[in-house]
Amino acid sequence: MTALLQTIDTPDGPFTILEDDGRVLSSGWTADAASILGRLRADRVPASVSPGRVRSAEAVVAYYAGDIAAIDDVPVQQAGTSMQMSGWEALRSIAPGRPLTYSEFAAHLGSPSAVRAAASICARNAPALFVPCHRVLRAGGALGGFAWGVHVKRSLLDREAAA
């Protein structure tokens, strides 16, 4: 089966989604397909990728139109360690407008001392927005890093706080 790649315009710039069989594999604020594919482990890159319309694009449009919850039930597919899988699932439970610090996220995962591992889970998250790693901040509320730029992270957090 061929995975589909679609880029849509958002207020934060072009947003590209890689979807296979209705599940988001990777996404982010770029029009560069190689950047989206590069977020995947080498053994998880689809053998065939073509431009096309993806179902999840509607959720992104709805999110930017003010329906922050539109992204919540979009199916995603990731591959990782059991801790990463638990972490990515936990990211989806962080309420919009209520970000956690990396320390709080580590505690949420049941490993309060595993702050670096919690940060790594966020850094290795491929389906950005759908698995909202942008909702995790440094101690004191500093933004920290974000694969798609701190300005995008700030914009998403502001949008969610206002909703």
Protein backbone atom coordinates (compact mmCIF):
# COMPACT_ATOMS: atom_id res chain seq x y z
CA MET A 1 0.00 0.00 0.00
CA THR A 2 1.15 3.54 -0.74
CA ALA A 3 1.42 6.10 2.06
CA LEU A 4 0.02 9.53 1.26
CA LEU A 5 1.65 12.88 1.83
CA GLN A 6 -0.34 16.12 1.94
CA THR A 7 0.71 19.68 2.73
CA ILE A 8 -1.85 22.26 3.85
CA ASP A 9 -1.50 25.91 4.74
CA THR A 10 -1.89 26.91 8.39
CA PRO A 11 -1.38 30.20 10.24
CA ASP A 12 1.94 28.71 11.44
CA GLY A 13 3.10 27.88 7.91
CA PRO A 14 2.85 24.81 5.70
CA PHE A 15 1.91 21.64 7.58
CA THR A 16 2.72 18.28 6.00
CA ILE A 17 1.15 14.99 7.02
CA LEU A 18 2.33 11.48 6.13
CA GLU A 19 -0.53 9.04 6.51
CA ASP A 20 -0.74 5.32 5.84
CA ASP A 21 -3.99 3.37 6.01
CA GLY A 22 -5.71 6.24 7.85
CA ARG A 23 -2.99 6.61 10.51
CA VAL A 24 -0.61 9.56 10.81
CA LEU A 25 2.99 8.37 10.76
CA SER A 26 4.69 11.76 10.78
CA SER A 27 3.72 15.42 10.51
CA GLY A 28 5.13 18.88 10.99
CA TRP A 29 5.35 22.49 9.92
CA THR A 30 7.25 22.19 6.67
CA ALA A 31 6.57 21.61 3.00
CA ASP A 32 9.68 19.42 2.75
CA ALA A 33 8.71 15.76 2.41
CA ALA A 34 12.24 14.65 3.31
CA SER A 35 11.94 16.38 6.69
CA ILE A 36 8.71 14.52 7.41
CA LEU A 37 10.13 11.16 6.33
CA GLY A 38 13.31 11.91 8.30
CA ARG A 39 11.31 11.94 11.55
CA LEU A 40 10.71 8.19 11.15
CA ARG A 41 13.04 5.37 12.09
CA ALA A 42 14.68 4.07 8.91
CA ASP A 43 12.86 0.75 9.19
CA ARG A 44 9.50 2.56 9.40
CA VAL A 45 9.76 4.69 6.25
CA PRO A 46 7.04 3.51 3.84
CA ALA A 47 8.31 1.79 0.70
CA SER A 48 5.99 3.90 -1.43
CA VAL A 49 4.89 7.50 -0.82
CA SER A 50 2.71 9.60 -3.11
CA PRO A 51 1.07 13.00 -2.86
CA GLY A 52 -2.62 12.75 -2.02
CA ARG A 53 -5.43 13.77 0.28
CA VAL A 54 -5.24 12.51 3.85
CA ARG A 55 -8.17 12.24 6.27
CA SER A 56 -6.30 13.88 9.13
CA ALA A 57 -5.96 17.18 7.23
CA GLU A 58 -9.57 17.98 8.14
CA ALA A 59 -8.68 17.74 11.84
CA VAL A 60 -5.80 20.19 11.36
CA VAL A 61 -8.08 22.67 9.60
CA ALA A 62 -10.64 22.29 12.42
CA TYR A 63 -7.92 22.72 15.06
CA TYR A 64 -6.80 25.99 13.51
CA ALA A 65 -10.43 27.11 13.20
CA GLY A 66 -10.74 26.83 17.00
CA ASP A 67 -11.77 23.21 17.57
CA ILE A 68 -8.71 22.31 19.64
CA ALA A 69 -10.10 18.82 20.36
CA ALA A 70 -10.29 17.95 16.64
CA ILE A 71 -6.82 16.36 16.78
CA ASP A 72 -7.55 14.17 19.81
CA ASP A 73 -8.96 11.11 18.09
CA VAL A 74 -6.89 11.10 14.90
CA PRO A 75 -5.25 7.68 14.66
CA VAL A 76 -1.45 7.69 14.76
CA GLN A 77 1.14 4.96 14.44
CA GLN A 78 4.55 5.06 16.06
CA ALA A 79 7.20 2.48 16.83
CA GLY A 80 9.47 2.64 19.84
CA THR A 81 10.36 1.20 23.20
CA SER A 82 7.61 0.46 25.69
CA MET A 83 8.51 3.65 27.58
CA GLN A 84 8.31 5.71 24.38
CA MET A 85 4.97 4.17 23.46
CA SER A 86 3.61 4.90 26.96
CA GLY A 87 5.01 8.42 26.76
CA TRP A 88 3.46 9.17 23.38
CA GLU A 89 0.12 7.90 24.65
CA ALA A 90 0.49 10.06 27.78
CA LEU A 91 1.21 13.15 25.68
CA ARG A 92 -2.24 12.79 24.16
CA SER A 93 -3.75 13.04 27.66
CA ILE A 94 -2.24 16.45 28.46
CA ALA A 95 -5.10 18.94 28.45
CA PRO A 96 -4.86 21.84 26.00
CA GLY A 97 -4.00 25.05 27.82
CA ARG A 98 -2.46 23.11 30.72
CA PRO A 99 1.10 22.25 29.69
CA LEU A 100 3.37 20.21 31.93
CA THR A 101 7.06 20.69 32.65
CA TYR A 102 9.42 17.88 31.66
CA SER A 103 9.66 16.99 35.38
CA GLU A 104 5.87 16.85 35.69
CA PHE A 105 5.67 14.79 32.52
CA ALA A 106 8.26 12.32 33.89
CA ALA A 107 6.22 12.03 37.10
CA HIS A 108 3.05 11.58 35.00
CA LEU A 109 4.82 8.61 33.38
CA GLY A 110 5.53 7.15 36.81
CA SER A 111 9.28 7.88 36.65
CA PRO A 112 9.86 11.25 38.36
CA SER A 113 13.64 10.99 38.03
CA ALA A 114 13.53 10.19 34.29
CA VAL A 115 13.39 13.81 33.11
CA ARG A 116 15.87 13.26 30.27
CA ALA A 117 13.93 10.23 29.06
CA ALA A 118 10.72 12.31 29.14
CA ALA A 119 12.41 15.00 27.04
CA SER A 120 13.67 12.35 24.62
CA ILE A 121 10.13 10.99 24.20
CA CYS A 122 9.04 14.47 23.13
CA ALA A 123 12.03 14.92 20.82
CA ARG A 124 11.39 11.62 19.03
CA ASN A 125 7.67 12.23 18.50
CA ALA A 126 6.96 12.01 14.75
CA PRO A 127 3.23 12.85 14.44
CA ALA A 128 3.54 16.40 15.79
CA LEU A 129 0.31 18.17 16.71
CA PHE A 130 -1.66 14.88 16.82
CA VAL A 131 0.62 13.73 19.66
CA PRO A 132 1.02 17.15 21.30
CA CYS A 133 4.62 17.18 22.53
CA HIS A 134 4.41 20.98 22.32
CA ARG A 135 2.48 20.81 25.63
CA VAL A 136 5.66 20.00 27.59
CA LEU A 137 7.85 22.85 28.80
CA ARG A 138 11.09 23.40 30.67
CA ALA A 139 11.07 24.18 34.38
CA GLY A 140 9.68 27.62 35.08
CA GLY A 141 7.61 27.57 31.91
CA ALA A 142 10.44 28.20 29.42
CA LEU A 143 9.55 26.81 26.01
CA GLY A 144 12.59 24.62 25.48
CA GLY A 145 13.14 23.11 22.07
CA PHE A 146 10.69 22.09 19.39
CA ALA A 147 11.56 20.33 16.15
CA TRP A 148 9.43 22.77 14.15
CA GLY A 149 10.63 25.97 15.81
CA VAL A 150 9.96 27.61 19.14
CA HIS A 151 7.77 30.21 17.39
CA VAL A 152 5.38 27.42 16.31
CA LYS A 153 5.37 25.95 19.82
CA ARG A 154 4.52 29.38 21.28
CA SER A 155 1.75 29.87 18.73
CA LEU A 156 0.19 26.46 19.50
CA LEU A 157 0.32 27.03 23.25
CA ASP A 158 -1.21 30.52 22.88
CA ARG A 159 -3.98 29.15 20.63
CA GLU A 160 -4.77 26.39 23.13
CA ALA A 161 -4.69 28.74 26.15
CA ALA A 162 -7.19 31.02 24.43
CA ALA A 163 -9.57 28.19 23.53
